[in-house]
Each structure stands twice: as C-alpha cells, then as structure tokens.
Amino acid sequence: MTGATAIDEAEALRRILDIAAALLRAEDVGPEDHFLALGGDSLLAPMLARKIEGVTGTRPALADIFSSSFKDLAKIVASRTPNG
C-alpha cells in the first residue's frame, strides 16, 4: 500500500475512469464499460492496476480488471481501501 487514505466508491470510479481513458486513449469511458471491450489487453492490465494503486492505495487483481465493469471495479477497490 502507498498509505492512501480512505476513498469512497464514487471517487474511486472517477479516478478509475480518468486512468482508463488516458491509458486506453479513449474519449468516452463510462461506468458500465469493460477494460477488454475498450481495447485493453494483458499488457495494459498491469499498468492499469499499478496506476489505480497509485491513486487509491489498493491494487486490484488482474482477474477483477478483466471481468468487471469499471463501476464494479470501483466497488472492489473502495471496499479494499483502508477505512473504505
């Protein structure tokens, strides 16, 4: 962990969407979108996980990145963040 403070689900989602849009070079990334459907792959997934950890203090599992919408990923991250 990076020592990040508690983050709620809405803030986690906002941050994840910002990171995903930049990483995937996509303009319209929404809560119901999935990483793989937007062109994500096994090379980008660890980068996404590290970037999410950098802003939330929690690194999501690659399986969660591959199988979850960004909204569901935010729920997972928020639930695992200290005091989240």
Protein backbone atom coordinates (compact mmCIF):
# COMPACT_ATOMS: atom_id res chain seq x y z
CA MET A 1 0.00 0.00 0.00
CA THR A 2 1.03 3.54 -0.63
CA GLY A 3 -0.53 4.96 2.51
CA ALA A 4 -3.55 6.40 0.73
CA THR A 5 -6.49 7.48 2.85
CA ALA A 6 -10.00 6.10 2.59
CA ILE A 7 -11.67 6.51 -0.76
CA ASP A 8 -15.37 6.14 -1.43
CA GLU A 9 -16.85 4.33 -4.38
CA ALA A 10 -17.74 7.48 -6.33
CA GLU A 11 -14.22 8.88 -6.01
CA ALA A 12 -12.70 5.50 -6.90
CA LEU A 13 -14.88 5.38 -10.01
CA ARG A 14 -13.92 8.90 -11.07
CA ARG A 15 -10.24 8.11 -10.71
CA ILE A 16 -10.51 4.74 -12.47
CA LEU A 17 -12.38 6.29 -15.40
CA ASP A 18 -9.75 9.02 -15.74
CA ILE A 19 -6.92 6.49 -15.66
CA ALA A 20 -8.64 4.12 -18.09
CA ALA A 21 -9.41 6.91 -20.56
CA ALA A 22 -5.79 8.05 -20.58
CA LEU A 23 -4.31 4.55 -20.71
CA LEU A 24 -6.66 3.33 -23.44
CA ARG A 25 -6.64 6.66 -25.29
CA ALA A 26 -10.42 6.61 -25.27
CA GLU A 27 -12.64 9.68 -25.10
CA ASP A 28 -15.85 8.12 -23.84
CA VAL A 29 -15.24 5.75 -20.96
CA GLY A 30 -18.27 5.10 -18.80
CA PRO A 31 -19.03 3.22 -15.59
CA GLU A 32 -20.58 0.25 -17.38
CA ASP A 33 -17.67 -0.16 -19.82
CA HIS A 34 -15.26 -3.06 -19.56
CA PHE A 35 -11.49 -2.83 -19.92
CA LEU A 36 -11.25 -5.55 -22.59
CA ALA A 37 -14.14 -4.16 -24.63
CA LEU A 38 -12.33 -0.82 -24.93
CA GLY A 39 -9.16 -2.39 -26.29
CA GLY A 40 -7.42 -3.27 -23.05
CA ASP A 41 -5.15 -6.31 -23.06
CA SER A 42 -2.85 -8.36 -20.87
CA LEU A 43 -0.02 -5.87 -21.34
CA LEU A 44 -2.07 -2.85 -20.30
CA ALA A 45 -3.87 -4.52 -17.38
CA PRO A 46 -0.87 -4.48 -15.00
CA MET A 47 -0.29 -0.83 -15.89
CA LEU A 48 -3.92 -0.05 -15.04
CA ALA A 49 -3.61 -1.95 -11.76
CA ARG A 50 -0.47 -0.02 -10.76
CA LYS A 51 -2.00 3.33 -11.67
CA ILE A 52 -5.14 2.54 -9.68
CA GLU A 53 -2.97 1.54 -6.72
CA GLY A 54 -1.08 4.81 -7.04
CA VAL A 55 -4.22 6.89 -6.54
CA THR A 56 -6.23 4.66 -4.20
CA GLY A 57 -3.66 2.67 -2.25
CA THR A 58 -5.25 -0.59 -3.41
CA ARG A 59 -4.10 -2.66 -6.38
CA PRO A 60 -6.97 -4.57 -7.99
CA ALA A 61 -6.43 -8.16 -9.08
CA LEU A 62 -5.95 -8.62 -12.82
CA ALA A 63 -8.90 -11.03 -12.81
CA ASP A 64 -11.09 -8.20 -11.49
CA ILE A 65 -9.86 -5.86 -14.22
CA PHE A 66 -10.65 -8.43 -16.90
CA SER A 67 -14.06 -9.46 -15.59
CA SER A 68 -15.58 -6.30 -14.10
CA SER A 69 -17.13 -3.12 -15.41
CA PHE A 70 -15.34 0.00 -14.23
CA LYS A 71 -18.24 0.61 -11.83
CA ASP A 72 -17.81 -2.83 -10.28
CA LEU A 73 -14.04 -2.38 -10.19
CA ALA A 74 -14.55 0.86 -8.23
CA LYS A 75 -16.72 -1.03 -5.71
CA ILE A 76 -13.98 -3.62 -5.29
CA VAL A 77 -11.26 -1.00 -4.87
CA ALA A 78 -13.30 1.11 -2.43
CA SER A 79 -14.11 -1.95 -0.31
CA ARG A 80 -10.42 -2.86 -0.04
CA THR A 81 -9.11 0.64 0.63
CA PRO A 82 -8.20 1.30 4.27
CA ASN A 83 -11.27 2.63 6.09
CA GLY A 84 -13.13 2.43 2.74
